[in-house]
Amino acid sequence: MRKALTTAALVIATASVVSGSYARNNDDEPMTFSWTAQEICLVGHPGTFTPGGDMTDFFAQIPAWGAGMITFHPAASTARDKGNWMFFLPLSFLTQPPGTPQNAFPARTSVGECTLTYQPGDGLSFTLKAPRIGCSATDTSGPNQGVKTTFTNGPETRGQFAADMQSFVAHHNELGSQDKFVIETGSDTNGGQFERICMRAIQGVRLPSNKR
């Protein structure tokens, strides 16, 4: 269980250029945003969670904070994202006497990149979908430093641009159709496997382009 809970978490947010005055005036030019995000996940062994959100085994609740940049390429319907994350593992017991290192590292960091697709919605709304092969992150601290984790079956991210296209807000939760939760699966290069249910909120601010 500990190996499953020590892997990196990567979450990514993006947005799509939609029809309207902005798209007509800017000819699908790339846009880059700086983003921050807050996340909380329930994490357990494979088979821990039911589609209705119940549990069959012990699980951990892991909060995380992320920051990064994302560049949208509207003409290709893709967005390239890179983010850094810090997440916190709950520990309820000590394996060594107090005052000595526990080799537990409750604070961890990771970095990852992913190419996503997006779909424009009504007005300035958007929907983001992760690729079928999933998105990956690599631990950059702790005992699993250098270990890569890949998440598949991720939920859609939904968001909204501001009217001036200079910022966006987005979120995802893993409650899918018919009130059934989308359960992500994770696997790492050490052989660890786990699943999780997450909620995430993202805020993005557009960066000046070279033409400005």
C-alpha atoms as a PDB file:
ATOM      1  CA  MET A   1       0.000   0.000   0.000  1.00  0.00           C
ATOM      2  CA  ARG A   2       2.802   2.421   0.866  1.00  0.00           C
ATOM      3  CA  LYS A   3       4.387   2.033  -2.579  1.00  0.00           C
ATOM      4  CA  ALA A   4       1.041   2.880  -4.157  1.00  0.00           C
ATOM      5  CA  LEU A   5       0.731   5.999  -2.032  1.00  0.00           C
ATOM      6  CA  THR A   6       4.250   7.298  -2.631  1.00  0.00           C
ATOM      7  CA  THR A   7       3.993   7.773  -6.382  1.00  0.00           C
ATOM      8  CA  ALA A   8       3.750  11.183  -8.017  1.00  0.00           C
ATOM      9  CA  ALA A   9       0.445  12.792  -8.839  1.00  0.00           C
ATOM     10  CA  LEU A  10      -0.060  14.822 -11.932  1.00  0.00           C
ATOM     11  CA  VAL A  11      -2.966  16.727 -12.779  1.00  0.00           C
ATOM     12  CA  ILE A  12      -3.294  18.941 -15.814  1.00  0.00           C
ATOM     13  CA  ALA A  13      -5.675  21.665 -16.895  1.00  0.00           C
ATOM     14  CA  THR A  14      -6.155  23.414 -20.250  1.00  0.00           C
ATOM     15  CA  ALA A  15      -8.669  25.293 -22.378  1.00  0.00           C
ATOM     16  CA  SER A  16      -9.676  25.626 -26.020  1.00  0.00           C
ATOM     17  CA  VAL A  17     -10.043  28.571 -28.345  1.00  0.00           C
ATOM     18  CA  VAL A  18     -13.683  28.935 -29.283  1.00  0.00           C
ATOM     19  CA  SER A  19     -15.595  30.591 -32.073  1.00  0.00           C
ATOM     20  CA  GLY A  20     -16.377  34.282 -31.839  1.00  0.00           C
ATOM     21  CA  SER A  21     -14.556  37.599 -32.171  1.00  0.00           C
ATOM     22  CA  TYR A  22     -11.334  36.358 -30.546  1.00  0.00           C
ATOM     23  CA  ALA A  23     -10.970  33.386 -32.891  1.00  0.00           C
ATOM     24  CA  ARG A  24     -11.729  35.524 -35.938  1.00  0.00           C
ATOM     25  CA  ASN A  25      -9.246  38.224 -34.971  1.00  0.00           C
ATOM     26  CA  ASN A  26      -6.361  35.967 -33.897  1.00  0.00           C
ATOM     27  CA  ASP A  27      -6.413  33.187 -36.494  1.00  0.00           C
ATOM     28  CA  ASP A  28      -5.864  30.289 -34.109  1.00  0.00           C
ATOM     29  CA  GLU A  29      -2.568  31.611 -32.766  1.00  0.00           C
ATOM     30  CA  PRO A  30      -1.032  29.688 -29.843  1.00  0.00           C
ATOM     31  CA  MET A  31      -1.803  30.958 -26.344  1.00  0.00           C
ATOM     32  CA  THR A  32       0.247  30.349 -23.201  1.00  0.00           C
ATOM     33  CA  PHE A  33      -1.191  30.483 -19.685  1.00  0.00           C
ATOM     34  CA  SER A  34       0.409  30.232 -16.268  1.00  0.00           C
ATOM     35  CA  TRP A  35      -1.769  28.129 -13.964  1.00  0.00           C
ATOM     36  CA  THR A  36      -2.121  27.048 -10.353  1.00  0.00           C
ATOM     37  CA  ALA A  37      -4.287  24.213  -9.076  1.00  0.00           C
ATOM     38  CA  GLN A  38      -5.552  22.625  -5.888  1.00  0.00           C
ATOM     39  CA  GLU A  39      -6.425  18.947  -5.628  1.00  0.00           C
ATOM     40  CA  ILE A  40      -7.566  16.337  -3.155  1.00  0.00           C
ATOM     41  CA  CYS A  41      -7.598  12.616  -3.936  1.00  0.00           C
ATOM     42  CA  LEU A  42      -8.737   9.393  -2.312  1.00  0.00           C
ATOM     43  CA  VAL A  43      -6.102   6.748  -3.081  1.00  0.00           C
ATOM     44  CA  GLY A  44      -6.144   2.991  -2.520  1.00  0.00           C
ATOM     45  CA  HIS A  45      -5.212  -0.423  -3.875  1.00  0.00           C
ATOM     46  CA  PRO A  46      -6.844  -1.550  -7.158  1.00  0.00           C
ATOM     47  CA  GLY A  47     -10.438  -2.467  -6.351  1.00  0.00           C
ATOM     48  CA  THR A  48     -10.728  -0.179  -3.315  1.00  0.00           C
ATOM     49  CA  PHE A  49     -13.534   2.011  -4.719  1.00  0.00           C
ATOM     50  CA  THR A  50     -16.888   1.122  -6.235  1.00  0.00           C
ATOM     51  CA  PRO A  51     -18.431   3.120  -9.139  1.00  0.00           C
ATOM     52  CA  GLY A  52     -20.898   4.559  -6.638  1.00  0.00           C
ATOM     53  CA  GLY A  53     -18.075   5.957  -4.454  1.00  0.00           C
ATOM     54  CA  ASP A  54     -18.110   3.338  -1.698  1.00  0.00           C
ATOM     55  CA  MET A  55     -14.934   1.703  -0.351  1.00  0.00           C
ATOM     56  CA  THR A  56     -13.957  -1.944   0.057  1.00  0.00           C
ATOM     57  CA  ASP A  57     -10.599  -1.425   1.805  1.00  0.00           C
ATOM     58  CA  PHE A  58      -8.466   1.173   3.575  1.00  0.00           C
ATOM     59  CA  PHE A  59      -7.574   4.317   1.622  1.00  0.00           C
ATOM     60  CA  ALA A  60      -5.614   7.559   2.073  1.00  0.00           C
ATOM     61  CA  GLN A  61      -6.722  11.149   1.480  1.00  0.00           C
ATOM     62  CA  ILE A  62      -3.939  13.101  -0.239  1.00  0.00           C
ATOM     63  CA  PRO A  63      -4.096  16.889  -0.850  1.00  0.00           C
ATOM     64  CA  ALA A  64      -1.812  18.521  -3.423  1.00  0.00           C
ATOM     65  CA  TRP A  65      -0.918  21.914  -4.905  1.00  0.00           C
ATOM     66  CA  GLY A  66       0.395  22.458  -8.445  1.00  0.00           C
ATOM     67  CA  ALA A  67       1.714  25.181 -10.736  1.00  0.00           C
ATOM     68  CA  GLY A  68       2.866  25.249 -14.336  1.00  0.00           C
ATOM     69  CA  MET A  69       2.380  26.550 -17.858  1.00  0.00           C
ATOM     70  CA  ILE A  70       0.252  25.366 -20.730  1.00  0.00           C
ATOM     71  CA  THR A  71       0.354  26.354 -24.398  1.00  0.00           C
ATOM     72  CA  PHE A  72      -2.707  25.849 -26.558  1.00  0.00           C
ATOM     73  CA  HIS A  73      -2.350  25.180 -30.280  1.00  0.00           C
ATOM     74  CA  PRO A  74      -5.917  25.695 -31.571  1.00  0.00           C
ATOM     75  CA  ALA A  75      -5.136  24.799 -35.178  1.00  0.00           C
ATOM     76  CA  ALA A  76      -3.994  21.337 -34.060  1.00  0.00           C
ATOM     77  CA  SER A  77      -6.640  20.940 -31.329  1.00  0.00           C
ATOM     78  CA  THR A  78      -3.891  20.166 -28.819  1.00  0.00           C
ATOM     79  CA  ALA A  79      -2.481  21.724 -25.677  1.00  0.00           C
ATOM     80  CA  ARG A  80       0.964  21.047 -24.241  1.00  0.00           C
ATOM     81  CA  ASP A  81       1.122  21.238 -20.464  1.00  0.00           C
ATOM     82  CA  LYS A  82       3.996  21.077 -17.990  1.00  0.00           C
ATOM     83  CA  GLY A  83       3.440  21.229 -14.251  1.00  0.00           C
ATOM     84  CA  ASN A  84       5.125  20.842 -10.882  1.00  0.00           C
ATOM     85  CA  TRP A  85       3.239  19.365  -7.937  1.00  0.00           C
ATOM     86  CA  MET A  86       3.685  19.074  -4.174  1.00  0.00           C
ATOM     87  CA  PHE A  87       1.532  16.547  -2.359  1.00  0.00           C
ATOM     88  CA  PHE A  88       1.234  15.437   1.236  1.00  0.00           C
ATOM     89  CA  LEU A  89       0.890  11.859   2.500  1.00  0.00           C
ATOM     90  CA  PRO A  90      -0.952  11.312   5.800  1.00  0.00           C
ATOM     91  CA  LEU A  91       1.045   9.315   8.348  1.00  0.00           C
ATOM     92  CA  SER A  92      -0.614   8.042  11.519  1.00  0.00           C
ATOM     93  CA  PHE A  93       2.254   6.133  13.120  1.00  0.00           C
ATOM     94  CA  LEU A  94       6.042   6.232  13.542  1.00  0.00           C
ATOM     95  CA  THR A  95       8.367   3.422  12.533  1.00  0.00           C
ATOM     96  CA  GLN A  96      11.303   4.857  14.481  1.00  0.00           C
ATOM     97  CA  PRO A  97      11.561   6.587  17.885  1.00  0.00           C
ATOM     98  CA  PRO A  98      10.468  10.265  17.910  1.00  0.00           C
ATOM     99  CA  GLY A  99      13.259  12.655  16.956  1.00  0.00           C
ATOM    100  CA  THR A 100      14.833  10.337  14.383  1.00  0.00           C
ATOM    101  CA  PRO A 101      14.218  10.281  10.588  1.00  0.00           C
ATOM    102  CA  GLN A 102      11.311   7.997   9.697  1.00  0.00           C
ATOM    103  CA  ASN A 103      12.169   7.505   5.997  1.00  0.00           C
ATOM    104  CA  ALA A 104       8.535   8.337   5.261  1.00  0.00           C
ATOM    105  CA  PHE A 105       8.786  11.738   3.541  1.00  0.00           C
ATOM    106  CA  PRO A 106       5.190  12.965   3.923  1.00  0.00           C
ATOM    107  CA  ALA A 107       5.919  15.939   1.629  1.00  0.00           C
ATOM    108  CA  ARG A 108       6.702  14.935  -1.967  1.00  0.00           C
ATOM    109  CA  THR A 109       7.258  16.740  -5.266  1.00  0.00           C
ATOM    110  CA  SER A 110       6.828  15.692  -8.899  1.00  0.00           C
ATOM    111  CA  VAL A 111       7.015  17.097 -12.429  1.00  0.00           C
ATOM    112  CA  GLY A 112       5.282  15.990 -15.604  1.00  0.00           C
ATOM    113  CA  GLU A 113       4.212  16.885 -19.143  1.00  0.00           C
ATOM    114  CA  CYS A 114       1.272  15.814 -21.255  1.00  0.00           C
ATOM    115  CA  THR A 115      -0.330  16.631 -24.612  1.00  0.00           C
ATOM    116  CA  LEU A 116      -4.111  16.929 -24.364  1.00  0.00           C
ATOM    117  CA  THR A 117      -7.000  17.430 -26.749  1.00  0.00           C
ATOM    118  CA  TYR A 118      -9.824  19.894 -26.216  1.00  0.00           C
ATOM    119  CA  GLN A 119     -13.319  20.559 -27.467  1.00  0.00           C
ATOM    120  CA  PRO A 120     -14.995  23.987 -27.560  1.00  0.00           C
ATOM    121  CA  GLY A 121     -18.380  24.322 -25.935  1.00  0.00           C
ATOM    122  CA  ASP A 122     -21.092  26.944 -25.807  1.00  0.00           C
ATOM    123  CA  GLY A 123     -19.849  30.506 -25.405  1.00  0.00           C
ATOM    124  CA  LEU A 124     -16.322  30.435 -24.024  1.00  0.00           C
ATOM    125  CA  SER A 125     -16.562  27.063 -22.307  1.00  0.00           C
ATOM    126  CA  PHE A 126     -14.307  24.099 -23.037  1.00  0.00           C
ATOM    127  CA  THR A 127     -13.794  20.422 -22.296  1.00  0.00           C
ATOM    128  CA  LEU A 128     -10.370  18.820 -21.970  1.00  0.00           C
ATOM    129  CA  LYS A 129      -9.638  15.114 -22.495  1.00  0.00           C
ATOM    130  CA  ALA A 130      -6.479  13.218 -21.609  1.00  0.00           C
ATOM    131  CA  PRO A 131      -4.990  10.778 -24.159  1.00  0.00           C
ATOM    132  CA  ARG A 132      -5.839   7.092 -23.995  1.00  0.00           C
ATOM    133  CA  ILE A 133      -2.252   6.247 -23.061  1.00  0.00           C
ATOM    134  CA  GLY A 134      -2.577   8.511 -20.030  1.00  0.00           C
ATOM    135  CA  CYS A 135      -0.373  11.242 -18.578  1.00  0.00           C
ATOM    136  CA  SER A 136       2.832  10.710 -16.615  1.00  0.00           C
ATOM    137  CA  ALA A 137       4.797  12.400 -13.843  1.00  0.00           C
ATOM    138  CA  THR A 138       8.159  11.709 -12.227  1.00  0.00           C
ATOM    139  CA  ASP A 139       8.908  12.032  -8.514  1.00  0.00           C
ATOM    140  CA  THR A 140      11.600  14.641  -7.870  1.00  0.00           C
ATOM    141  CA  SER A 141      12.032  14.084  -4.122  1.00  0.00           C
ATOM    142  CA  GLY A 142      11.611  11.377  -1.497  1.00  0.00           C
ATOM    143  CA  PRO A 143      12.471   7.662  -1.663  1.00  0.00           C
ATOM    144  CA  ASN A 144      10.816   7.293  -5.078  1.00  0.00           C
ATOM    145  CA  GLN A 145      12.871  10.064  -6.709  1.00  0.00           C
ATOM    146  CA  GLY A 146      13.153   9.287 -10.421  1.00  0.00           C
ATOM    147  CA  VAL A 147      10.174   6.898 -10.461  1.00  0.00           C
ATOM    148  CA  LYS A 148       7.614   7.665 -13.181  1.00  0.00           C
ATOM    149  CA  THR A 149       3.893   7.231 -12.607  1.00  0.00           C
ATOM    150  CA  THR A 150       1.309   7.000 -15.402  1.00  0.00           C
ATOM    151  CA  PHE A 151      -2.381   7.765 -14.832  1.00  0.00           C
ATOM    152  CA  THR A 152      -5.031   6.429 -17.200  1.00  0.00           C
ATOM    153  CA  ASN A 153      -8.823   6.679 -17.369  1.00  0.00           C
ATOM    154  CA  GLY A 154      -8.682  10.294 -16.220  1.00  0.00           C
ATOM    155  CA  PRO A 155     -11.902  12.348 -16.063  1.00  0.00           C
ATOM    156  CA  GLU A 156     -12.720  15.269 -18.345  1.00  0.00           C
ATOM    157  CA  THR A 157     -11.719  18.779 -17.310  1.00  0.00           C
ATOM    158  CA  ARG A 158     -14.332  21.476 -17.886  1.00  0.00           C
ATOM    159  CA  GLY A 159     -13.726  25.206 -17.774  1.00  0.00           C
ATOM    160  CA  GLN A 160     -14.569  28.718 -18.862  1.00  0.00           C
ATOM    161  CA  PHE A 161     -12.528  31.519 -20.450  1.00  0.00           C
ATOM    162  CA  ALA A 162     -12.982  35.109 -19.353  1.00  0.00           C
ATOM    163  CA  ALA A 163     -14.600  37.382 -21.919  1.00  0.00           C
ATOM    164  CA  ASP A 164     -11.236  38.985 -22.816  1.00  0.00           C
ATOM    165  CA  MET A 165      -9.513  35.573 -23.162  1.00  0.00           C
ATOM    166  CA  GLN A 166      -6.854  36.619 -20.644  1.00  0.00           C
ATOM    167  CA  SER A 167      -7.728  34.062 -17.969  1.00  0.00           C
ATOM    168  CA  PHE A 168      -9.695  30.886 -17.345  1.00  0.00           C
ATOM    169  CA  VAL A 169     -11.048  28.770 -14.530  1.00  0.00           C
ATOM    170  CA  ALA A 170     -11.483  25.019 -14.773  1.00  0.00           C
ATOM    171  CA  HIS A 171     -12.261  21.997 -12.666  1.00  0.00           C
ATOM    172  CA  HIS A 172     -12.735  18.313 -12.784  1.00  0.00           C
ATOM    173  CA  ASN A 173     -14.413  15.891 -10.503  1.00  0.00           C
ATOM    174  CA  GLU A 174     -14.679  12.226 -11.184  1.00  0.00           C
ATOM    175  CA  LEU A 175     -18.456  11.954 -11.019  1.00  0.00           C
ATOM    176  CA  GLY A 176     -19.341  10.783 -14.506  1.00  0.00           C
ATOM    177  CA  SER A 177     -22.611   9.893 -16.180  1.00  0.00           C
ATOM    178  CA  GLN A 178     -25.465   8.380 -14.156  1.00  0.00           C
ATOM    179  CA  ASP A 179     -23.762   9.479 -10.916  1.00  0.00           C
ATOM    180  CA  LYS A 180     -21.007   6.885 -11.317  1.00  0.00           C
ATOM    181  CA  PHE A 181     -17.496   7.926 -10.314  1.00  0.00           C
ATOM    182  CA  VAL A 182     -14.645   7.826 -12.821  1.00  0.00           C
ATOM    183  CA  ILE A 183     -11.884   5.845 -11.115  1.00  0.00           C
ATOM    184  CA  GLU A 184      -8.370   6.649 -12.336  1.00  0.00           C
ATOM    185  CA  THR A 185      -5.748   3.911 -12.412  1.00  0.00           C
ATOM    186  CA  GLY A 186      -2.078   4.506 -11.691  1.00  0.00           C
ATOM    187  CA  SER A 187       1.041   2.437 -12.281  1.00  0.00           C
ATOM    188  CA  ASP A 188       4.711   3.252 -11.732  1.00  0.00           C
ATOM    189  CA  THR A 189       8.060   2.022 -12.962  1.00  0.00           C
ATOM    190  CA  ASN A 190       8.670   0.268  -9.627  1.00  0.00           C
ATOM    191  CA  GLY A 191       5.699  -2.005 -10.259  1.00  0.00           C
ATOM    192  CA  GLY A 192       3.274  -0.184  -7.958  1.00  0.00           C
ATOM    193  CA  GLN A 193      -0.422  -0.053  -8.897  1.00  0.00           C
ATOM    194  CA  PHE A 194      -3.277   1.896  -7.349  1.00  0.00           C
ATOM    195  CA  GLU A 195      -6.487   3.763  -8.092  1.00  0.00           C
ATOM    196  CA  ARG A 196      -7.840   7.148  -7.069  1.00  0.00           C
ATOM    197  CA  ILE A 197     -10.850   9.450  -7.102  1.00  0.00           C
ATOM    198  CA  CYS A 198      -9.961  13.174  -7.265  1.00  0.00           C
ATOM    199  CA  MET A 199     -11.443  16.658  -7.305  1.00  0.00           C
ATOM    200  CA  ARG A 200      -9.418  19.568  -8.705  1.00  0.00           C
ATOM    201  CA  ALA A 201      -9.767  23.342  -9.242  1.00  0.00           C
ATOM    202  CA  ILE A 202      -7.543  25.279 -11.668  1.00  0.00           C
ATOM    203  CA  GLN A 203      -6.942  28.971 -12.373  1.00  0.00           C
ATOM    204  CA  GLY A 204      -4.973  30.274 -15.369  1.00  0.00           C
ATOM    205  CA  VAL A 205      -3.628  33.695 -16.402  1.00  0.00           C
ATOM    206  CA  ARG A 206      -2.509  34.380 -19.960  1.00  0.00           C
ATOM    207  CA  LEU A 207       1.106  35.338 -20.599  1.00  0.00           C
ATOM    208  CA  PRO A 208       2.108  38.011 -23.169  1.00  0.00           C
ATOM    209  CA  SER A 209       3.031  36.638 -26.568  1.00  0.00           C
ATOM    210  CA  ASN A 210       6.167  37.616 -28.491  1.00  0.00           C
ATOM    211  CA  LYS A 211       4.032  39.794 -30.727  1.00  0.00           C
ATOM    212  CA  ARG A 212       2.919  42.030 -27.847  1.00  0.00           C
END
